[in-house]
Amino acid sequence: MVQITPQEAAAYLARWGQVNRYEIGELRRTPIEQKFQQLCALSAARQAFGIDPDRNRLAAEVAARWQRIRAWYGE
């Protein structure tokens, strides 16, 4: 792995901060009608895919992982 200087790391984070601020601005300027259309398109696209037969098994695996993480941190 290439080592970077603290100045390079700060510059990298600053650039991503700019990207984040720009994206937030774009989202704020998006009309509510367009956001609703996007939501409807996502909802309609979901029906284009069949039910995943492994979904319940995978969800149980994820739940078990979270239980182990919580146990590790004493929650």
PDB file of N, CA and C in Angstrom:
ATOM      1  N   MET A   1       0.841  -1.178   0.000  1.00  0.00           N
ATOM      2  CA  MET A   1       0.000   0.000   0.000  1.00  0.00           C
ATOM      3  C   MET A   1       0.886   1.240   0.000  1.00  0.00           C
ATOM      4  N   VAL A   2       0.519   2.217  -0.783  1.00  0.00           N
ATOM      5  CA  VAL A   2       1.286   3.450  -0.883  1.00  0.00           C
ATOM      6  C   VAL A   2       0.988   4.331   0.327  1.00  0.00           C
ATOM      7  N   GLN A   3       2.021   4.835   0.939  1.00  0.00           N
ATOM      8  CA  GLN A   3       1.860   5.745   2.071  1.00  0.00           C
ATOM      9  C   GLN A   3       1.595   7.157   1.545  1.00  0.00           C
ATOM     10  N   ILE A   4       0.717   7.866   2.238  1.00  0.00           N
ATOM     11  CA  ILE A   4       0.464   9.260   1.879  1.00  0.00           C
ATOM     12  C   ILE A   4       0.810  10.142   3.070  1.00  0.00           C
ATOM     13  N   THR A   5       1.077  11.372   2.757  1.00  0.00           N
ATOM     14  CA  THR A   5       1.433  12.311   3.817  1.00  0.00           C
ATOM     15  C   THR A   5       0.163  12.830   4.485  1.00  0.00           C
ATOM     16  N   PRO A   6       0.284  13.403   5.665  1.00  0.00           N
ATOM     17  CA  PRO A   6      -0.893  14.005   6.305  1.00  0.00           C
ATOM     18  C   PRO A   6      -1.515  15.106   5.439  1.00  0.00           C
ATOM     19  N   GLN A   7      -0.685  15.842   4.714  1.00  0.00           N
ATOM     20  CA  GLN A   7      -1.202  16.896   3.843  1.00  0.00           C
ATOM     21  C   GLN A   7      -2.007  16.294   2.686  1.00  0.00           C
ATOM     22  N   GLU A   8      -1.512  15.186   2.129  1.00  0.00           N
ATOM     23  CA  GLU A   8      -2.245  14.527   1.048  1.00  0.00           C
ATOM     24  C   GLU A   8      -3.566  13.959   1.554  1.00  0.00           C
ATOM     25  N   ALA A   9      -3.553  13.414   2.752  1.00  0.00           N
ATOM     26  CA  ALA A   9      -4.778  12.883   3.346  1.00  0.00           C
ATOM     27  C   ALA A   9      -5.784  13.999   3.578  1.00  0.00           C
ATOM     28  N   ALA A  10      -5.324  15.125   4.069  1.00  0.00           N
ATOM     29  CA  ALA A  10      -6.211  16.272   4.311  1.00  0.00           C
ATOM     30  C   ALA A  10      -6.794  16.774   2.999  1.00  0.00           C
ATOM     31  N   ALA A  11      -5.970  16.837   1.951  1.00  0.00           N
ATOM     32  CA  ALA A  11      -6.447  17.294   0.640  1.00  0.00           C
ATOM     33  C   ALA A  11      -7.499  16.331   0.087  1.00  0.00           C
ATOM     34  N   TYR A  12      -7.236  15.042   0.256  1.00  0.00           N
ATOM     35  CA  TYR A  12      -8.176  14.017  -0.201  1.00  0.00           C
ATOM     36  C   TYR A  12      -9.533  14.191   0.497  1.00  0.00           C
ATOM     37  N   LEU A  13      -9.492  14.333   1.813  1.00  0.00           N
ATOM     38  CA  LEU A  13     -10.730  14.507   2.571  1.00  0.00           C
ATOM     39  C   LEU A  13     -11.435  15.800   2.204  1.00  0.00           C
ATOM     40  N   ALA A  14     -10.672  16.852   1.938  1.00  0.00           N
ATOM     41  CA  ALA A  14     -11.269  18.136   1.547  1.00  0.00           C
ATOM     42  C   ALA A  14     -11.992  17.996   0.210  1.00  0.00           C
ATOM     43  N   ARG A  15     -11.372  17.282  -0.730  1.00  0.00           N
ATOM     44  CA  ARG A  15     -12.022  17.082  -2.036  1.00  0.00           C
ATOM     45  C   ARG A  15     -13.322  16.314  -1.882  1.00  0.00           C
ATOM     46  N   TRP A  16     -13.322  15.262  -1.059  1.00  0.00           N
ATOM     47  CA  TRP A  16     -14.552  14.503  -0.866  1.00  0.00           C
ATOM     48  C   TRP A  16     -15.593  15.314  -0.107  1.00  0.00           C
ATOM     49  N   GLY A  17     -15.145  16.226   0.742  1.00  0.00           N
ATOM     50  CA  GLY A  17     -16.071  17.139   1.400  1.00  0.00           C
ATOM     51  C   GLY A  17     -16.765  18.026   0.388  1.00  0.00           C
ATOM     52  N   GLN A  18     -16.002  18.499  -0.610  1.00  0.00           N
ATOM     53  CA  GLN A  18     -16.592  19.317  -1.674  1.00  0.00           C
ATOM     54  C   GLN A  18     -17.614  18.515  -2.470  1.00  0.00           C
ATOM     55  N   VAL A  19     -17.274  17.284  -2.788  1.00  0.00           N
ATOM     56  CA  VAL A  19     -18.198  16.420  -3.532  1.00  0.00           C
ATOM     57  C   VAL A  19     -19.474  16.221  -2.732  1.00  0.00           C
ATOM     58  N   ASN A  20     -19.332  15.967  -1.443  1.00  0.00           N
ATOM     59  CA  ASN A  20     -20.490  15.749  -0.583  1.00  0.00           C
ATOM     60  C   ASN A  20     -21.379  16.994  -0.533  1.00  0.00           C
ATOM     61  N   ARG A  21     -20.776  18.160  -0.378  1.00  0.00           N
ATOM     62  CA  ARG A  21     -21.561  19.397  -0.327  1.00  0.00           C
ATOM     63  C   ARG A  21     -22.285  19.640  -1.650  1.00  0.00           C
ATOM     64  N   TYR A  22     -21.612  19.364  -2.772  1.00  0.00           N
ATOM     65  CA  TYR A  22     -22.234  19.532  -4.082  1.00  0.00           C
ATOM     66  C   TYR A  22     -23.434  18.592  -4.223  1.00  0.00           C
ATOM     67  N   GLU A  23     -23.246  17.344  -3.825  1.00  0.00           N
ATOM     68  CA  GLU A  23     -24.322  16.368  -3.937  1.00  0.00           C
ATOM     69  C   GLU A  23     -25.520  16.756  -3.074  1.00  0.00           C
ATOM     70  N   ILE A  24     -25.259  17.224  -1.873  1.00  0.00           N
ATOM     71  CA  ILE A  24     -26.353  17.667  -1.001  1.00  0.00           C
ATOM     72  C   ILE A  24     -27.100  18.829  -1.637  1.00  0.00           C
ATOM     73  N   GLY A  25     -26.362  19.762  -2.234  1.00  0.00           N
ATOM     74  CA  GLY A  25     -26.999  20.887  -2.921  1.00  0.00           C
ATOM     75  C   GLY A  25     -27.869  20.429  -4.069  1.00  0.00           C
ATOM     76  N   GLU A  26     -27.364  19.465  -4.843  1.00  0.00           N
ATOM     77  CA  GLU A  26     -28.145  18.924  -5.959  1.00  0.00           C
ATOM     78  C   GLU A  26     -29.437  18.284  -5.445  1.00  0.00           C
ATOM     79  N   LEU A  27     -29.338  17.528  -4.375  1.00  0.00           N
ATOM     80  CA  LEU A  27     -30.526  16.885  -3.820  1.00  0.00           C
ATOM     81  C   LEU A  27     -31.536  17.916  -3.312  1.00  0.00           C
ATOM     82  N   ARG A  28     -31.041  18.989  -2.717  1.00  0.00           N
ATOM     83  CA  ARG A  28     -31.949  20.036  -2.224  1.00  0.00           C
ATOM     84  C   ARG A  28     -32.637  20.776  -3.366  1.00  0.00           C
ATOM     85  N   ARG A  29     -31.952  20.905  -4.498  1.00  0.00           N
ATOM     86  CA  ARG A  29     -32.529  21.606  -5.647  1.00  0.00           C
ATOM     87  C   ARG A  29     -33.458  20.723  -6.487  1.00  0.00           C
ATOM     88  N   THR A  30     -33.453  19.424  -6.241  1.00  0.00           N
ATOM     89  CA  THR A  30     -34.307  18.517  -7.003  1.00  0.00           C
ATOM     90  C   THR A  30     -35.755  18.726  -6.589  1.00  0.00           C
ATOM     91  N   PRO A  31     -36.630  19.011  -7.555  1.00  0.00           N
ATOM     92  CA  PRO A  31     -38.047  19.223  -7.210  1.00  0.00           C
ATOM     93  C   PRO A  31     -38.661  17.951  -6.606  1.00  0.00           C
ATOM     94  N   ILE A  32     -39.614  18.149  -5.715  1.00  0.00           N
ATOM     95  CA  ILE A  32     -40.265  17.031  -5.039  1.00  0.00           C
ATOM     96  C   ILE A  32     -40.951  16.110  -6.047  1.00  0.00           C
ATOM     97  N   GLU A  33     -41.468  16.680  -7.139  1.00  0.00           N
ATOM     98  CA  GLU A  33     -42.126  15.867  -8.159  1.00  0.00           C
ATOM     99  C   GLU A  33     -41.133  14.872  -8.773  1.00  0.00           C
ATOM    100  N   GLN A  34     -39.916  15.347  -9.029  1.00  0.00           N
ATOM    101  CA  GLN A  34     -38.903  14.471  -9.603  1.00  0.00           C
ATOM    102  C   GLN A  34     -38.498  13.385  -8.609  1.00  0.00           C
ATOM    103  N   LYS A  35     -38.370  13.754  -7.350  1.00  0.00           N
ATOM    104  CA  LYS A  35     -38.037  12.761  -6.334  1.00  0.00           C
ATOM    105  C   LYS A  35     -39.133  11.695  -6.249  1.00  0.00           C
ATOM    106  N   PHE A  36     -40.381  12.124  -6.353  1.00  0.00           N
ATOM    107  CA  PHE A  36     -41.490  11.174  -6.309  1.00  0.00           C
ATOM    108  C   PHE A  36     -41.461  10.248  -7.523  1.00  0.00           C
ATOM    109  N   GLN A  37     -41.171  10.808  -8.712  1.00  0.00           N
ATOM    110  CA  GLN A  37     -41.053   9.982  -9.915  1.00  0.00           C
ATOM    111  C   GLN A  37     -39.935   8.957  -9.771  1.00  0.00           C
ATOM    112  N   GLN A  38     -38.824   9.371  -9.197  1.00  0.00           N
ATOM    113  CA  GLN A  38     -37.712   8.451  -8.985  1.00  0.00           C
ATOM    114  C   GLN A  38     -38.109   7.337  -8.021  1.00  0.00           C
ATOM    115  N   LEU A  39     -38.824   7.695  -6.974  1.00  0.00           N
ATOM    116  CA  LEU A  39     -39.288   6.697  -6.014  1.00  0.00           C
ATOM    117  C   LEU A  39     -40.238   5.707  -6.684  1.00  0.00           C
ATOM    118  N   CYS A  40     -41.134   6.215  -7.507  1.00  0.00           N
ATOM    119  CA  CYS A  40     -42.068   5.335  -8.225  1.00  0.00           C
ATOM    120  C   CYS A  40     -41.313   4.410  -9.176  1.00  0.00           C
ATOM    121  N   ALA A  41     -40.300   4.930  -9.858  1.00  0.00           N
ATOM    122  CA  ALA A  41     -39.508   4.108 -10.773  1.00  0.00           C
ATOM    123  C   ALA A  41     -38.790   3.003 -10.013  1.00  0.00           C
ATOM    124  N   LEU A  42     -38.233   3.326  -8.850  1.00  0.00           N
ATOM    125  CA  LEU A  42     -37.582   2.301  -8.036  1.00  0.00           C
ATOM    126  C   LEU A  42     -38.579   1.235  -7.595  1.00  0.00           C
ATOM    127  N   SER A  43     -39.738   1.671  -7.186  1.00  0.00           N
ATOM    128  CA  SER A  43     -40.762   0.735  -6.739  1.00  0.00           C
ATOM    129  C   SER A  43     -41.197  -0.172  -7.885  1.00  0.00           C
ATOM    130  N   ALA A  44     -41.380   0.377  -9.068  1.00  0.00           N
ATOM    131  CA  ALA A  44     -41.777  -0.421 -10.226  1.00  0.00           C
ATOM    132  C   ALA A  44     -40.662  -1.374 -10.637  1.00  0.00           C
ATOM    133  N   ALA A  45     -39.424  -0.941 -10.545  1.00  0.00           N
ATOM    134  CA  ALA A  45     -38.296  -1.787 -10.919  1.00  0.00           C
ATOM    135  C   ALA A  45     -38.198  -2.989  -9.999  1.00  0.00           C
ATOM    136  N   ARG A  46     -38.569  -2.842  -8.753  1.00  0.00           N
ATOM    137  CA  ARG A  46     -38.494  -3.948  -7.794  1.00  0.00           C
ATOM    138  C   ARG A  46     -39.362  -5.113  -8.247  1.00  0.00           C
ATOM    139  N   GLN A  47     -40.482  -4.812  -8.859  1.00  0.00           N
ATOM    140  CA  GLN A  47     -41.394  -5.863  -9.285  1.00  0.00           C
ATOM    141  C   GLN A  47     -40.881  -6.596 -10.523  1.00  0.00           C
ATOM    142  N   ALA A  48     -39.879  -6.052 -11.182  1.00  0.00           N
ATOM    143  CA  ALA A  48     -39.301  -6.696 -12.357  1.00  0.00           C
ATOM    144  C   ALA A  48     -38.423  -7.876 -11.973  1.00  0.00           C
ATOM    145  N   PHE A  49     -38.038  -7.945 -10.722  1.00  0.00           N
ATOM    146  CA  PHE A  49     -37.162  -9.012 -10.244  1.00  0.00           C
ATOM    147  C   PHE A  49     -37.961 -10.007  -9.415  1.00  0.00           C
ATOM    148  N   GLY A  50     -37.622 -11.251  -9.555  1.00  0.00           N
ATOM    149  CA  GLY A  50     -38.292 -12.288  -8.784  1.00  0.00           C
ATOM    150  C   GLY A  50     -37.828 -12.293  -7.344  1.00  0.00           C
ATOM    151  N   ILE A  51     -38.514 -13.070  -6.542  1.00  0.00           N
ATOM    152  CA  ILE A  51     -38.155 -13.206  -5.135  1.00  0.00           C
ATOM    153  C   ILE A  51     -36.897 -14.061  -5.037  1.00  0.00           C
ATOM    154  N   ASP A  52     -35.957 -13.619  -4.258  1.00  0.00           N
ATOM    155  CA  ASP A  52     -34.708 -14.348  -4.068  1.00  0.00           C
ATOM    156  C   ASP A  52     -34.966 -15.500  -3.095  1.00  0.00           C
ATOM    157  N   PRO A  53     -34.782 -16.744  -3.558  1.00  0.00           N
ATOM    158  CA  PRO A  53     -35.071 -17.866  -2.652  1.00  0.00           C
ATOM    159  C   PRO A  53     -34.124 -17.936  -1.450  1.00  0.00           C
ATOM    160  N   ASP A  54     -32.974 -17.316  -1.541  1.00  0.00           N
ATOM    161  CA  ASP A  54     -32.010 -17.339  -0.437  1.00  0.00           C
ATOM    162  C   ASP A  54     -32.163 -16.155   0.515  1.00  0.00           C
ATOM    163  N   ARG A  55     -33.143 -15.313   0.273  1.00  0.00           N
ATOM    164  CA  ARG A  55     -33.269 -14.079   1.054  1.00  0.00           C
ATOM    165  C   ARG A  55     -33.390 -14.345   2.550  1.00  0.00           C
ATOM    166  N   ASN A  56     -34.258 -15.249   2.937  1.00  0.00           N
ATOM    167  CA  ASN A  56     -34.452 -15.504   4.368  1.00  0.00           C
ATOM    168  C   ASN A  56     -33.188 -16.072   5.006  1.00  0.00           C
ATOM    169  N   ARG A  57     -32.509 -16.969   4.298  1.00  0.00           N
ATOM    170  CA  ARG A  57     -31.273 -17.544   4.829  1.00  0.00           C
ATOM    171  C   ARG A  57     -30.213 -16.465   4.987  1.00  0.00           C
ATOM    172  N   LEU A  58     -30.073 -15.608   3.970  1.00  0.00           N
ATOM    173  CA  LEU A  58     -29.073 -14.541   4.032  1.00  0.00           C
ATOM    174  C   LEU A  58     -29.404 -13.532   5.130  1.00  0.00           C
ATOM    175  N   ALA A  59     -30.691 -13.222   5.284  1.00  0.00           N
ATOM    176  CA  ALA A  59     -31.097 -12.301   6.344  1.00  0.00           C
ATOM    177  C   ALA A  59     -30.783 -12.888   7.714  1.00  0.00           C
ATOM    178  N   ALA A  60     -30.969 -14.191   7.861  1.00  0.00           N
ATOM    179  CA  ALA A  60     -30.647 -14.844   9.135  1.00  0.00           C
ATOM    180  C   ALA A  60     -29.142 -14.802   9.397  1.00  0.00           C
ATOM    181  N   GLU A  61     -28.335 -14.972   8.349  1.00  0.00           N
ATOM    182  CA  GLU A  61     -26.885 -14.879   8.512  1.00  0.00           C
ATOM    183  C   GLU A  61     -26.470 -13.483   8.966  1.00  0.00           C
ATOM    184  N   VAL A  62     -27.069 -12.470   8.365  1.00  0.00           N
ATOM    185  CA  VAL A  62     -26.750 -11.094   8.748  1.00  0.00           C
ATOM    186  C   VAL A  62     -27.162 -10.836  10.191  1.00  0.00           C
ATOM    187  N   ALA A  63     -28.332 -11.300  10.566  1.00  0.00           N
ATOM    188  CA  ALA A  63     -28.795 -11.123  11.947  1.00  0.00           C
ATOM    189  C   ALA A  63     -27.848 -11.812  12.932  1.00  0.00           C
ATOM    190  N   ALA A  64     -27.373 -12.993  12.557  1.00  0.00           N
ATOM    191  CA  ALA A  64     -26.436 -13.710  13.429  1.00  0.00           C
ATOM    192  C   ALA A  64     -25.121 -12.939  13.559  1.00  0.00           C
ATOM    193  N   ARG A  65     -24.660 -12.349  12.473  1.00  0.00           N
ATOM    194  CA  ARG A  65     -23.430 -11.543  12.532  1.00  0.00           C
ATOM    195  C   ARG A  65     -23.611 -10.359  13.466  1.00  0.00           C
ATOM    196  N   TRP A  66     -24.770  -9.674  13.365  1.00  0.00           N
ATOM    197  CA  TRP A  66     -25.014  -8.533  14.248  1.00  0.00           C
ATOM    198  C   TRP A  66     -25.077  -8.981  15.705  1.00  0.00           C
ATOM    199  N   GLN A  67     -25.636 -10.146  15.946  1.00  0.00           N
ATOM    200  CA  GLN A  67     -25.676 -10.651  17.319  1.00  0.00           C
ATOM    201  C   GLN A  67     -24.270 -10.873  17.852  1.00  0.00           C
ATOM    202  N   ARG A  68     -23.381 -11.435  17.013  1.00  0.00           N
ATOM    203  CA  ARG A  68     -21.997 -11.644  17.440  1.00  0.00           C
ATOM    204  C   ARG A  68     -21.294 -10.313  17.697  1.00  0.00           C
ATOM    205  N   ILE A  69     -21.562  -9.321  16.843  1.00  0.00           N
ATOM    206  CA  ILE A  69     -20.947  -8.000  17.031  1.00  0.00           C
ATOM    207  C   ILE A  69     -21.426  -7.383  18.332  1.00  0.00           C
ATOM    208  N   ARG A  70     -22.731  -7.445  18.573  1.00  0.00           N
ATOM    209  CA  ARG A  70     -23.280  -6.880  19.814  1.00  0.00           C
ATOM    210  C   ARG A  70     -22.719  -7.604  21.034  1.00  0.00           C
ATOM    211  N   ALA A  71     -22.584  -8.911  20.943  1.00  0.00           N
ATOM    212  CA  ALA A  71     -22.036  -9.685  22.053  1.00  0.00           C
ATOM    213  C   ALA A  71     -20.579  -9.290  22.290  1.00  0.00           C
ATOM    214  N   TRP A  72     -19.845  -9.065  21.216  1.00  0.00           N
ATOM    215  CA  TRP A  72     -18.431  -8.672  21.321  1.00  0.00           C
ATOM    216  C   TRP A  72     -18.290  -7.357  22.075  1.00  0.00           C
ATOM    217  N   TYR A  73     -19.217  -6.413  21.788  1.00  0.00           N
ATOM    218  CA  TYR A  73     -19.148  -5.098  22.436  1.00  0.00           C
ATOM    219  C   TYR A  73     -19.952  -5.039  23.728  1.00  0.00           C
ATOM    220  N   GLY A  74     -20.513  -6.157  24.144  1.00  0.00           N
ATOM    221  CA  GLY A  74     -21.182  -6.216  25.436  1.00  0.00           C
ATOM    222  C   GLY A  74     -22.528  -5.540  25.489  1.00  0.00           C
ATOM    223  N   GLU A  75     -23.219  -5.488  24.373  1.00  0.00           N
ATOM    224  CA  GLU A  75     -24.553  -4.878  24.385  1.00  0.00           C
ATOM    225  C   GLU A  75     -25.611  -5.867  24.772  1.00  0.00           C
TER     226      GLU A  75
END
